[in-house]
Amino acid sequence: MGLKIDELRSFAAVAATGSFSEAARKIRRAQSVVSMHISGMEAELGYKLFDRTPKPVLTPRGTELLVGAQRLLAEADRLETRALSLTDTPSPALYMGIDLVLEAPVMIDWLRLFARRFPSVRLQVENITGSEADWFFSRAGMNLALIFASSPSSHCDERLLGHSPVSIVVAKNHPLASLSRPTLEDLRCYRQIVVHARAPEATPPRVICNDHWEVDSGLWALGLAAKGVGWAILPKFLLLGQSPYKNLVTSIDSTLALSPERLVLRSRDGEVDPEILNWWADTISKYKAKIGLT
């Protein structure tokens, strides 16, 4: 499949305006070009994106595709902005990924300490998930990441900083919370909230229940579990942080075997000063109890 950014822009514009002519004005293209883009996408995909009478209305498949298209376009705009910003500015010395699970207040405090220790280092920070790290390292120039990862990377240097136990988390009034030790069959009776990154090469999530929702953040999963939408497998760190949802959930024991999450520091070979790597490793070690590491 060879969908193009321009085609996706036309698709999103028609979906937003409900008109080929309005979409053309919105993105400053000829209406014939917009129509050609939509027809080309439909030919490539093998199904209709819009019902065209009397005005273009998204089909069910078009509606489902629109979510991913909007997300991809947002990333493309972001990349374009970043590319333009580099015209007269040297690249940051460090482009660092920080796991979405690691709460902002904790990380901001550590970054404050980092700024004091390395005042001349230029830093760009990106919130990512562990499953997205390889993509950012190989495609976006990232050279340092503090992430939870289930397995070692074959592309980067890596330091294991500790393990965070994981558990099944449910709302305190969820039916599973009343069971002493839920079995696999018990878990399959209720919706699961699955944390899954968008990266195509990401490790598939552990799906126990056919009835499941997918989110790309542990904090979202915690919030949905707290509201009784479903149960989730989450690291202990999330239950120690400052989220308002943590007091609304409980961890439950189960017959399901759960491996702890690995917190690692990944870096590109030769691109990060060893003193910086040592500083992060020492800082995490000093405060490991604060984030529930063993």
C-alpha atoms as a PDB file:
ATOM      1  CA  MET A   1       0.000   0.000   0.000  1.00  0.00           C
ATOM      2  CA  GLY A   2       1.342   3.432  -0.962  1.00  0.00           C
ATOM      3  CA  LEU A   3      -0.871   6.113   0.588  1.00  0.00           C
ATOM      4  CA  LYS A   4       0.628   9.595   0.377  1.00  0.00           C
ATOM      5  CA  ILE A   5       0.528  12.513   2.817  1.00  0.00           C
ATOM      6  CA  ASP A   6      -1.195  14.763   0.253  1.00  0.00           C
ATOM      7  CA  GLU A   7      -3.916  12.153  -0.206  1.00  0.00           C
ATOM      8  CA  LEU A   8      -4.424  11.905   3.541  1.00  0.00           C
ATOM      9  CA  ARG A   9      -4.685  15.708   3.782  1.00  0.00           C
ATOM     10  CA  SER A  10      -7.417  15.693   1.148  1.00  0.00           C
ATOM     11  CA  PHE A  11      -9.187  12.808   2.897  1.00  0.00           C
ATOM     12  CA  ALA A  12      -9.138  14.584   6.269  1.00  0.00           C
ATOM     13  CA  ALA A  13     -10.263  17.881   4.706  1.00  0.00           C
ATOM     14  CA  VAL A  14     -13.267  16.307   2.962  1.00  0.00           C
ATOM     15  CA  ALA A  15     -14.205  14.510   6.179  1.00  0.00           C
ATOM     16  CA  ALA A  16     -13.993  17.782   8.126  1.00  0.00           C
ATOM     17  CA  THR A  17     -15.925  19.942   5.662  1.00  0.00           C
ATOM     18  CA  GLY A  18     -18.357  17.457   4.119  1.00  0.00           C
ATOM     19  CA  SER A  19     -17.611  18.982   0.723  1.00  0.00           C
ATOM     20  CA  PHE A  20     -15.007  18.462  -1.988  1.00  0.00           C
ATOM     21  CA  SER A  21     -15.063  22.151  -2.934  1.00  0.00           C
ATOM     22  CA  GLU A  22     -14.742  23.342   0.667  1.00  0.00           C
ATOM     23  CA  ALA A  23     -11.957  20.835   1.275  1.00  0.00           C
ATOM     24  CA  ALA A  24     -10.109  22.150  -1.789  1.00  0.00           C
ATOM     25  CA  ARG A  25     -10.326  25.720  -0.482  1.00  0.00           C
ATOM     26  CA  LYS A  26      -9.218  24.610   2.971  1.00  0.00           C
ATOM     27  CA  ILE A  27      -6.014  22.969   1.771  1.00  0.00           C
ATOM     28  CA  ARG A  28      -5.544  25.346  -1.202  1.00  0.00           C
ATOM     29  CA  ARG A  29      -5.704  22.728  -3.917  1.00  0.00           C
ATOM     30  CA  ALA A  30      -7.876  22.379  -6.995  1.00  0.00           C
ATOM     31  CA  GLN A  31     -11.102  20.475  -6.448  1.00  0.00           C
ATOM     32  CA  SER A  32     -10.090  18.066  -9.205  1.00  0.00           C
ATOM     33  CA  VAL A  33      -6.904  17.259  -7.274  1.00  0.00           C
ATOM     34  CA  VAL A  34      -8.855  16.545  -4.086  1.00  0.00           C
ATOM     35  CA  SER A  35     -11.270  14.297  -6.005  1.00  0.00           C
ATOM     36  CA  MET A  36      -8.332  12.512  -7.624  1.00  0.00           C
ATOM     37  CA  HIS A  37      -6.696  11.975  -4.216  1.00  0.00           C
ATOM     38  CA  ILE A  38      -9.854  10.407  -2.759  1.00  0.00           C
ATOM     39  CA  SER A  39     -10.411   8.226  -5.821  1.00  0.00           C
ATOM     40  CA  GLY A  40      -6.783   7.136  -5.719  1.00  0.00           C
ATOM     41  CA  MET A  41      -7.010   6.199  -2.055  1.00  0.00           C
ATOM     42  CA  GLU A  42     -10.194   4.216  -2.616  1.00  0.00           C
ATOM     43  CA  ALA A  43      -8.611   2.384  -5.561  1.00  0.00           C
ATOM     44  CA  GLU A  44      -5.521   1.621  -3.490  1.00  0.00           C
ATOM     45  CA  LEU A  45      -7.524   0.408  -0.504  1.00  0.00           C
ATOM     46  CA  GLY A  46     -10.211  -1.439  -2.415  1.00  0.00           C
ATOM     47  CA  TYR A  47     -13.165   0.118  -0.589  1.00  0.00           C
ATOM     48  CA  LYS A  48     -15.128   3.362  -0.447  1.00  0.00           C
ATOM     49  CA  LEU A  49     -14.193   6.077   2.031  1.00  0.00           C
ATOM     50  CA  PHE A  50     -17.241   8.262   1.376  1.00  0.00           C
ATOM     51  CA  ASP A  51     -20.824   7.812   0.278  1.00  0.00           C
ATOM     52  CA  ARG A  52     -21.232  10.630  -2.234  1.00  0.00           C
ATOM     53  CA  THR A  53     -24.970  11.318  -2.295  1.00  0.00           C
ATOM     54  CA  PRO A  54     -25.949  14.050  -1.828  1.00  0.00           C
ATOM     55  CA  LYS A  55     -22.746  15.140  -0.048  1.00  0.00           C
ATOM     56  CA  PRO A  56     -19.671  13.088   0.877  1.00  0.00           C
ATOM     57  CA  VAL A  57     -20.319  11.223   4.132  1.00  0.00           C
ATOM     58  CA  LEU A  58     -17.754   8.909   5.693  1.00  0.00           C
ATOM     59  CA  THR A  59     -18.429   5.199   5.385  1.00  0.00           C
ATOM     60  CA  PRO A  60     -17.814   3.065   8.510  1.00  0.00           C
ATOM     61  CA  ARG A  61     -14.410   2.074   7.127  1.00  0.00           C
ATOM     62  CA  GLY A  62     -13.632   5.693   6.315  1.00  0.00           C
ATOM     63  CA  THR A  63     -14.547   6.720   9.858  1.00  0.00           C
ATOM     64  CA  GLU A  64     -12.182   4.125  11.299  1.00  0.00           C
ATOM     65  CA  LEU A  65      -9.348   5.142   8.971  1.00  0.00           C
ATOM     66  CA  LEU A  66      -9.784   8.851   9.742  1.00  0.00           C
ATOM     67  CA  VAL A  67      -8.495   8.496  13.311  1.00  0.00           C
ATOM     68  CA  GLY A  68      -5.149   7.113  12.157  1.00  0.00           C
ATOM     69  CA  ALA A  69      -4.941   9.588   9.283  1.00  0.00           C
ATOM     70  CA  GLN A  70      -5.414  12.578  11.599  1.00  0.00           C
ATOM     71  CA  ARG A  71      -2.755  11.266  13.935  1.00  0.00           C
ATOM     72  CA  LEU A  72      -0.303  10.718  11.080  1.00  0.00           C
ATOM     73  CA  LEU A  73      -0.970  14.209   9.706  1.00  0.00           C
ATOM     74  CA  ALA A  74      -0.343  15.737  13.118  1.00  0.00           C
ATOM     75  CA  GLU A  75       3.010  13.919  13.258  1.00  0.00           C
ATOM     76  CA  ALA A  76       3.831  15.101   9.723  1.00  0.00           C
ATOM     77  CA  ASP A  77       3.079  18.727  10.643  1.00  0.00           C
ATOM     78  CA  ARG A  78       5.201  18.351  13.736  1.00  0.00           C
ATOM     79  CA  LEU A  79       8.093  16.949  11.710  1.00  0.00           C
ATOM     80  CA  GLU A  80       7.812  19.776   9.180  1.00  0.00           C
ATOM     81  CA  THR A  81       7.905  22.369  11.959  1.00  0.00           C
ATOM     82  CA  ARG A  82      10.937  20.705  13.502  1.00  0.00           C
ATOM     83  CA  ALA A  83      12.713  20.485  10.144  1.00  0.00           C
ATOM     84  CA  LEU A  84      12.202  24.208   9.560  1.00  0.00           C
ATOM     85  CA  SER A  85      13.407  25.032  13.067  1.00  0.00           C
ATOM     86  CA  LEU A  86      16.726  23.299  12.335  1.00  0.00           C
ATOM     87  CA  THR A  87      17.533  25.568   9.402  1.00  0.00           C
ATOM     88  CA  ASP A  88      19.612  27.967  11.474  1.00  0.00           C
ATOM     89  CA  THR A  89      19.876  26.001  14.720  1.00  0.00           C
ATOM     90  CA  PRO A  90      22.281  23.164  15.493  1.00  0.00           C
ATOM     91  CA  SER A  91      20.746  19.882  16.572  1.00  0.00           C
ATOM     92  CA  PRO A  92      20.347  19.421  20.328  1.00  0.00           C
ATOM     93  CA  ALA A  93      23.223  17.625  21.995  1.00  0.00           C
ATOM     94  CA  LEU A  94      20.679  15.252  23.514  1.00  0.00           C
ATOM     95  CA  TYR A  95      17.358  14.125  22.084  1.00  0.00           C
ATOM     96  CA  MET A  96      15.887  12.186  25.003  1.00  0.00           C
ATOM     97  CA  GLY A  97      12.805   9.997  25.187  1.00  0.00           C
ATOM     98  CA  ILE A  98      11.048   9.667  28.539  1.00  0.00           C
ATOM     99  CA  ASP A  99       8.464   6.974  29.126  1.00  0.00           C
ATOM    100  CA  LEU A 100       4.881   8.207  29.325  1.00  0.00           C
ATOM    101  CA  VAL A 101       4.417   6.139  32.477  1.00  0.00           C
ATOM    102  CA  LEU A 102       6.981   8.230  34.348  1.00  0.00           C
ATOM    103  CA  GLU A 103       5.023  11.074  35.909  1.00  0.00           C
ATOM    104  CA  ALA A 104       5.815  14.634  34.896  1.00  0.00           C
ATOM    105  CA  PRO A 105       6.380  16.032  38.445  1.00  0.00           C
ATOM    106  CA  VAL A 106       9.024  13.391  39.186  1.00  0.00           C
ATOM    107  CA  MET A 107      10.760  13.786  35.847  1.00  0.00           C
ATOM    108  CA  ILE A 108      10.685  17.598  35.947  1.00  0.00           C
ATOM    109  CA  ASP A 109      12.438  17.519  39.301  1.00  0.00           C
ATOM    110  CA  TRP A 110      15.106  15.182  37.935  1.00  0.00           C
ATOM    111  CA  LEU A 111      15.528  17.329  34.838  1.00  0.00           C
ATOM    112  CA  ARG A 112      16.008  20.351  37.118  1.00  0.00           C
ATOM    113  CA  LEU A 113      18.858  18.483  38.810  1.00  0.00           C
ATOM    114  CA  PHE A 114      20.232  17.494  35.404  1.00  0.00           C
ATOM    115  CA  ALA A 115      20.248  21.144  34.292  1.00  0.00           C
ATOM    116  CA  ARG A 116      22.275  22.082  37.367  1.00  0.00           C
ATOM    117  CA  ARG A 117      24.769  19.284  36.804  1.00  0.00           C
ATOM    118  CA  PHE A 118      25.136  19.816  33.030  1.00  0.00           C
ATOM    119  CA  PRO A 119      24.331  23.512  32.429  1.00  0.00           C
ATOM    120  CA  SER A 120      25.769  23.619  28.900  1.00  0.00           C
ATOM    121  CA  VAL A 121      23.931  20.586  27.526  1.00  0.00           C
ATOM    122  CA  ARG A 122      21.133  21.334  25.056  1.00  0.00           C
ATOM    123  CA  LEU A 123      18.219  18.970  25.552  1.00  0.00           C
ATOM    124  CA  GLN A 124      15.085  18.037  23.644  1.00  0.00           C
ATOM    125  CA  VAL A 125      12.605  15.788  25.473  1.00  0.00           C
ATOM    126  CA  GLU A 126       9.971  13.557  23.857  1.00  0.00           C
ATOM    127  CA  ASN A 127       7.327  11.516  25.697  1.00  0.00           C
ATOM    128  CA  ILE A 128       7.268   8.016  24.223  1.00  0.00           C
ATOM    129  CA  THR A 129       6.426   4.448  25.175  1.00  0.00           C
ATOM    130  CA  GLY A 130       9.006   1.698  25.429  1.00  0.00           C
ATOM    131  CA  SER A 131       7.601   0.037  22.311  1.00  0.00           C
ATOM    132  CA  GLU A 132       8.198   3.195  20.267  1.00  0.00           C
ATOM    133  CA  ALA A 133      11.839   3.639  21.280  1.00  0.00           C
ATOM    134  CA  ASP A 134      13.389   1.675  18.408  1.00  0.00           C
ATOM    135  CA  TRP A 135      11.456   3.773  15.878  1.00  0.00           C
ATOM    136  CA  PHE A 136      12.609   7.055  17.444  1.00  0.00           C
ATOM    137  CA  PHE A 137      16.221   5.853  17.576  1.00  0.00           C
ATOM    138  CA  SER A 138      16.285   4.584  13.992  1.00  0.00           C
ATOM    139  CA  ARG A 139      14.045   7.172  12.281  1.00  0.00           C
ATOM    140  CA  ALA A 140      14.055  10.376  14.353  1.00  0.00           C
ATOM    141  CA  GLY A 141      17.609  10.726  15.622  1.00  0.00           C
ATOM    142  CA  MET A 142      16.881  10.067  19.298  1.00  0.00           C
ATOM    143  CA  ASN A 143      20.062   9.218  21.195  1.00  0.00           C
ATOM    144  CA  LEU A 144      18.953   8.705  24.813  1.00  0.00           C
ATOM    145  CA  ALA A 145      15.838   7.187  26.388  1.00  0.00           C
ATOM    146  CA  LEU A 146      14.576   6.336  29.873  1.00  0.00           C
ATOM    147  CA  ILE A 147      11.867   3.759  29.288  1.00  0.00           C
ATOM    148  CA  PHE A 148      10.151   0.633  30.504  1.00  0.00           C
ATOM    149  CA  ALA A 149      10.940  -2.205  28.072  1.00  0.00           C
ATOM    150  CA  SER A 150       9.982  -5.863  28.211  1.00  0.00           C
ATOM    151  CA  SER A 151      13.098  -7.048  26.366  1.00  0.00           C
ATOM    152  CA  PRO A 152      16.601  -5.751  25.566  1.00  0.00           C
ATOM    153  CA  SER A 153      17.268  -3.740  22.420  1.00  0.00           C
ATOM    154  CA  SER A 154      19.497  -5.140  19.692  1.00  0.00           C
ATOM    155  CA  HIS A 155      20.099  -1.667  18.222  1.00  0.00           C
ATOM    156  CA  CYS A 156      21.249   0.432  21.202  1.00  0.00           C
ATOM    157  CA  ASP A 157      23.450   0.355  24.263  1.00  0.00           C
ATOM    158  CA  GLU A 158      21.330  -0.353  27.304  1.00  0.00           C
ATOM    159  CA  ARG A 159      21.653  -0.158  31.086  1.00  0.00           C
ATOM    160  CA  LEU A 160      19.160  -2.000  33.253  1.00  0.00           C
ATOM    161  CA  LEU A 161      18.208   0.327  36.123  1.00  0.00           C
ATOM    162  CA  GLY A 162      15.681  -1.830  37.965  1.00  0.00           C
ATOM    163  CA  HIS A 163      12.394  -3.701  37.794  1.00  0.00           C
ATOM    164  CA  SER A 164       8.897  -2.445  38.530  1.00  0.00           C
ATOM    165  CA  PRO A 165       6.472  -5.155  39.693  1.00  0.00           C
ATOM    166  CA  VAL A 166       3.236  -5.263  37.729  1.00  0.00           C
ATOM    167  CA  SER A 167      -0.224  -6.229  38.912  1.00  0.00           C
ATOM    168  CA  ILE A 168      -3.810  -6.449  37.812  1.00  0.00           C
ATOM    169  CA  VAL A 169      -5.538  -3.182  38.648  1.00  0.00           C
ATOM    170  CA  VAL A 170      -9.307  -2.730  38.979  1.00  0.00           C
ATOM    171  CA  ALA A 171     -11.711  -0.242  40.504  1.00  0.00           C
ATOM    172  CA  LYS A 172     -12.403  -0.985  44.152  1.00  0.00           C
ATOM    173  CA  ASN A 173     -16.045  -1.729  43.346  1.00  0.00           C
ATOM    174  CA  HIS A 174     -15.267  -3.912  40.303  1.00  0.00           C
ATOM    175  CA  PRO A 175     -16.592  -7.519  40.519  1.00  0.00           C
ATOM    176  CA  LEU A 176     -13.032  -8.861  40.190  1.00  0.00           C
ATOM    177  CA  ALA A 177     -12.024  -6.996  43.356  1.00  0.00           C
ATOM    178  CA  SER A 178     -14.279  -9.261  45.413  1.00  0.00           C
ATOM    179  CA  LEU A 179     -12.580 -12.452  44.228  1.00  0.00           C
ATOM    180  CA  SER A 180      -9.715 -13.760  46.362  1.00  0.00           C
ATOM    181  CA  ARG A 181      -7.609 -15.006  43.430  1.00  0.00           C
ATOM    182  CA  PRO A 182      -9.228 -14.547  39.998  1.00  0.00           C
ATOM    183  CA  THR A 183      -8.446 -17.190  37.395  1.00  0.00           C
ATOM    184  CA  LEU A 184      -7.818 -16.660  33.707  1.00  0.00           C
ATOM    185  CA  GLU A 185     -11.445 -17.506  33.015  1.00  0.00           C
ATOM    186  CA  ASP A 186     -12.581 -14.945  35.608  1.00  0.00           C
ATOM    187  CA  LEU A 187     -10.510 -12.243  33.897  1.00  0.00           C
ATOM    188  CA  ARG A 188     -11.976 -13.108  30.499  1.00  0.00           C
ATOM    189  CA  CYS A 189     -15.453 -12.310  31.793  1.00  0.00           C
ATOM    190  CA  TYR A 190     -14.673  -8.583  31.991  1.00  0.00           C
ATOM    191  CA  ARG A 191     -13.265  -5.995  29.604  1.00  0.00           C
ATOM    192  CA  GLN A 192      -9.490  -5.562  29.579  1.00  0.00           C
ATOM    193  CA  ILE A 193      -7.739  -2.211  29.074  1.00  0.00           C
ATOM    194  CA  VAL A 194      -4.599  -2.878  27.038  1.00  0.00           C
ATOM    195  CA  VAL A 195      -1.641  -0.502  26.791  1.00  0.00           C
ATOM    196  CA  HIS A 196      -0.323  -0.640  23.248  1.00  0.00           C
ATOM    197  CA  ALA A 197       1.921   1.742  21.292  1.00  0.00           C
ATOM    198  CA  ARG A 198       1.262   2.730  17.697  1.00  0.00           C
ATOM    199  CA  ALA A 199       4.695   1.691  16.392  1.00  0.00           C
ATOM    200  CA  PRO A 200       4.217  -1.098  13.799  1.00  0.00           C
ATOM    201  CA  GLU A 201       7.271  -2.991  15.060  1.00  0.00           C
ATOM    202  CA  ALA A 202       6.131  -2.806  18.692  1.00  0.00           C
ATOM    203  CA  THR A 203       5.829  -5.993  20.718  1.00  0.00           C
ATOM    204  CA  PRO A 204       2.151  -7.046  20.692  1.00  0.00           C
ATOM    205  CA  PRO A 205       0.382  -6.378  24.003  1.00  0.00           C
ATOM    206  CA  ARG A 206      -0.739  -9.186  26.271  1.00  0.00           C
ATOM    207  CA  VAL A 207      -4.401  -9.577  25.422  1.00  0.00           C
ATOM    208  CA  ILE A 208      -6.323 -11.889  27.761  1.00  0.00           C
ATOM    209  CA  CYS A 209      -9.872 -10.929  26.901  1.00  0.00           C
ATOM    210  CA  ASN A 210     -11.488 -10.652  23.462  1.00  0.00           C
ATOM    211  CA  ASP A 211     -13.479  -7.716  24.834  1.00  0.00           C
ATOM    212  CA  HIS A 212     -10.657  -5.183  25.192  1.00  0.00           C
ATOM    213  CA  TRP A 213      -9.877  -1.516  24.599  1.00  0.00           C
ATOM    214  CA  GLU A 214      -6.441  -0.257  23.524  1.00  0.00           C
ATOM    215  CA  VAL A 215      -4.801   2.941  24.798  1.00  0.00           C
ATOM    216  CA  ASP A 216      -1.234   4.183  24.333  1.00  0.00           C
ATOM    217  CA  SER A 217      -0.624   5.334  27.905  1.00  0.00           C
ATOM    218  CA  GLY A 218      -0.525   3.603  31.278  1.00  0.00           C
ATOM    219  CA  LEU A 219      -2.041   6.729  32.831  1.00  0.00           C
ATOM    220  CA  TRP A 220      -5.055   6.427  30.537  1.00  0.00           C
ATOM    221  CA  ALA A 221      -5.375   2.757  31.435  1.00  0.00           C
ATOM    222  CA  LEU A 222      -5.261   3.619  35.138  1.00  0.00           C
ATOM    223  CA  GLY A 223      -7.987   6.227  34.714  1.00  0.00           C
ATOM    224  CA  LEU A 224     -10.253   3.888  32.769  1.00  0.00           C
ATOM    225  CA  ALA A 225      -9.742   1.134  35.344  1.00  0.00           C
ATOM    226  CA  ALA A 226     -10.563   3.583  38.147  1.00  0.00           C
ATOM    227  CA  LYS A 227     -13.841   4.433  36.410  1.00  0.00           C
ATOM    228  CA  GLY A 228     -14.808   0.771  36.173  1.00  0.00           C
ATOM    229  CA  VAL A 229     -14.468   0.536  32.394  1.00  0.00           C
ATOM    230  CA  GLY A 230     -12.248  -2.539  32.682  1.00  0.00           C
ATOM    231  CA  TRP A 231      -9.190  -4.074  34.314  1.00  0.00           C
ATOM    232  CA  ALA A 232      -5.563  -3.500  33.326  1.00  0.00           C
ATOM    233  CA  ILE A 233      -2.081  -4.915  33.853  1.00  0.00           C
ATOM    234  CA  LEU A 234       0.018  -1.977  35.081  1.00  0.00           C
ATOM    235  CA  PRO A 235       3.397  -1.314  36.772  1.00  0.00           C
ATOM    236  CA  LYS A 236       3.477  -0.573  40.494  1.00  0.00           C
ATOM    237  CA  PHE A 237       4.935   2.850  39.786  1.00  0.00           C
ATOM    238  CA  LEU A 238       1.563   4.147  38.596  1.00  0.00           C
ATOM    239  CA  LEU A 239       0.018   3.330  41.984  1.00  0.00           C
ATOM    240  CA  LEU A 240       2.716   5.288  43.835  1.00  0.00           C
ATOM    241  CA  GLY A 241       2.490   8.479  41.817  1.00  0.00           C
ATOM    242  CA  GLN A 242       0.333  11.578  42.070  1.00  0.00           C
ATOM    243  CA  SER A 243      -2.544  10.490  39.838  1.00  0.00           C
ATOM    244  CA  PRO A 244      -5.957  11.248  41.415  1.00  0.00           C
ATOM    245  CA  TYR A 245      -7.099   7.837  40.231  1.00  0.00           C
ATOM    246  CA  LYS A 246      -4.706   5.785  42.353  1.00  0.00           C
ATOM    247  CA  ASN A 247      -6.996   5.875  45.416  1.00  0.00           C
ATOM    248  CA  LEU A 248      -9.919   4.554  43.378  1.00  0.00           C
ATOM    249  CA  VAL A 249      -8.237   1.312  42.340  1.00  0.00           C
ATOM    250  CA  THR A 250      -6.837  -1.778  43.985  1.00  0.00           C
ATOM    251  CA  SER A 251      -4.299  -4.413  42.962  1.00  0.00           C
ATOM    252  CA  ILE A 252      -5.511  -7.986  42.945  1.00  0.00           C
ATOM    253  CA  ASP A 253      -3.677 -11.292  43.009  1.00  0.00           C
ATOM    254  CA  SER A 254      -4.383 -13.708  40.208  1.00  0.00           C
ATOM    255  CA  THR A 255      -3.320 -17.071  38.828  1.00  0.00           C
ATOM    256  CA  LEU A 256      -1.961 -15.143  35.837  1.00  0.00           C
ATOM    257  CA  ALA A 257       1.863 -15.057  35.801  1.00  0.00           C
ATOM    258  CA  LEU A 258       3.125 -11.474  35.499  1.00  0.00           C
ATOM    259  CA  SER A 259       6.730 -10.482  34.817  1.00  0.00           C
ATOM    260  CA  PRO A 260       8.020  -7.165  36.219  1.00  0.00           C
ATOM    261  CA  GLU A 261       8.685  -4.260  33.844  1.00  0.00           C
ATOM    262  CA  ARG A 262      12.339  -3.403  33.135  1.00  0.00           C
ATOM    263  CA  LEU A 263      13.353   0.249  33.495  1.00  0.00           C
ATOM    264  CA  VAL A 264      16.291   0.845  31.159  1.00  0.00           C
ATOM    265  CA  LEU A 265      18.494   3.677  29.949  1.00  0.00           C
ATOM    266  CA  ARG A 266      19.143   3.334  26.229  1.00  0.00           C
ATOM    267  CA  SER A 267      21.662   5.331  24.230  1.00  0.00           C
ATOM    268  CA  ARG A 268      23.180   5.434  20.783  1.00  0.00           C
ATOM    269  CA  ASP A 269      26.740   4.156  20.774  1.00  0.00           C
ATOM    270  CA  GLY A 270      29.242   6.997  21.059  1.00  0.00           C
ATOM    271  CA  GLU A 271      26.673   9.828  21.000  1.00  0.00           C
ATOM    272  CA  VAL A 272      26.103  10.333  24.731  1.00  0.00           C
ATOM    273  CA  ASP A 273      28.788  11.368  27.213  1.00  0.00           C
ATOM    274  CA  PRO A 274      29.415   8.483  29.666  1.00  0.00           C
ATOM    275  CA  GLU A 275      29.256  11.026  32.485  1.00  0.00           C
ATOM    276  CA  ILE A 276      25.643  11.782  31.527  1.00  0.00           C
ATOM    277  CA  LEU A 277      24.771   8.088  31.420  1.00  0.00           C
ATOM    278  CA  ASN A 278      26.347   7.575  34.837  1.00  0.00           C
ATOM    279  CA  TRP A 279      24.448  10.558  36.249  1.00  0.00           C
ATOM    280  CA  TRP A 280      21.085   9.163  35.153  1.00  0.00           C
ATOM    281  CA  ALA A 281      21.926   5.692  36.440  1.00  0.00           C
ATOM    282  CA  ASP A 282      23.046   7.076  39.822  1.00  0.00           C
ATOM    283  CA  THR A 283      19.998   9.355  40.111  1.00  0.00           C
ATOM    284  CA  ILE A 284      17.553   6.511  39.407  1.00  0.00           C
ATOM    285  CA  SER A 285      19.387   4.309  41.897  1.00  0.00           C
ATOM    286  CA  LYS A 286      19.186   7.016  44.569  1.00  0.00           C
ATOM    287  CA  TYR A 287      15.423   7.515  44.119  1.00  0.00           C
ATOM    288  CA  LYS A 288      14.396   4.020  43.018  1.00  0.00           C
ATOM    289  CA  ALA A 289      12.030   3.550  45.977  1.00  0.00           C
ATOM    290  CA  LYS A 290      10.163   6.687  44.881  1.00  0.00           C
ATOM    291  CA  ILE A 291       9.160   4.990  41.645  1.00  0.00           C
ATOM    292  CA  GLY A 292       8.659   1.506  43.071  1.00  0.00           C
ATOM    293  CA  LEU A 293      11.725  -0.162  41.586  1.00  0.00           C
ATOM    294  CA  THR A 294      13.256  -3.355  42.913  1.00  0.00           C
END
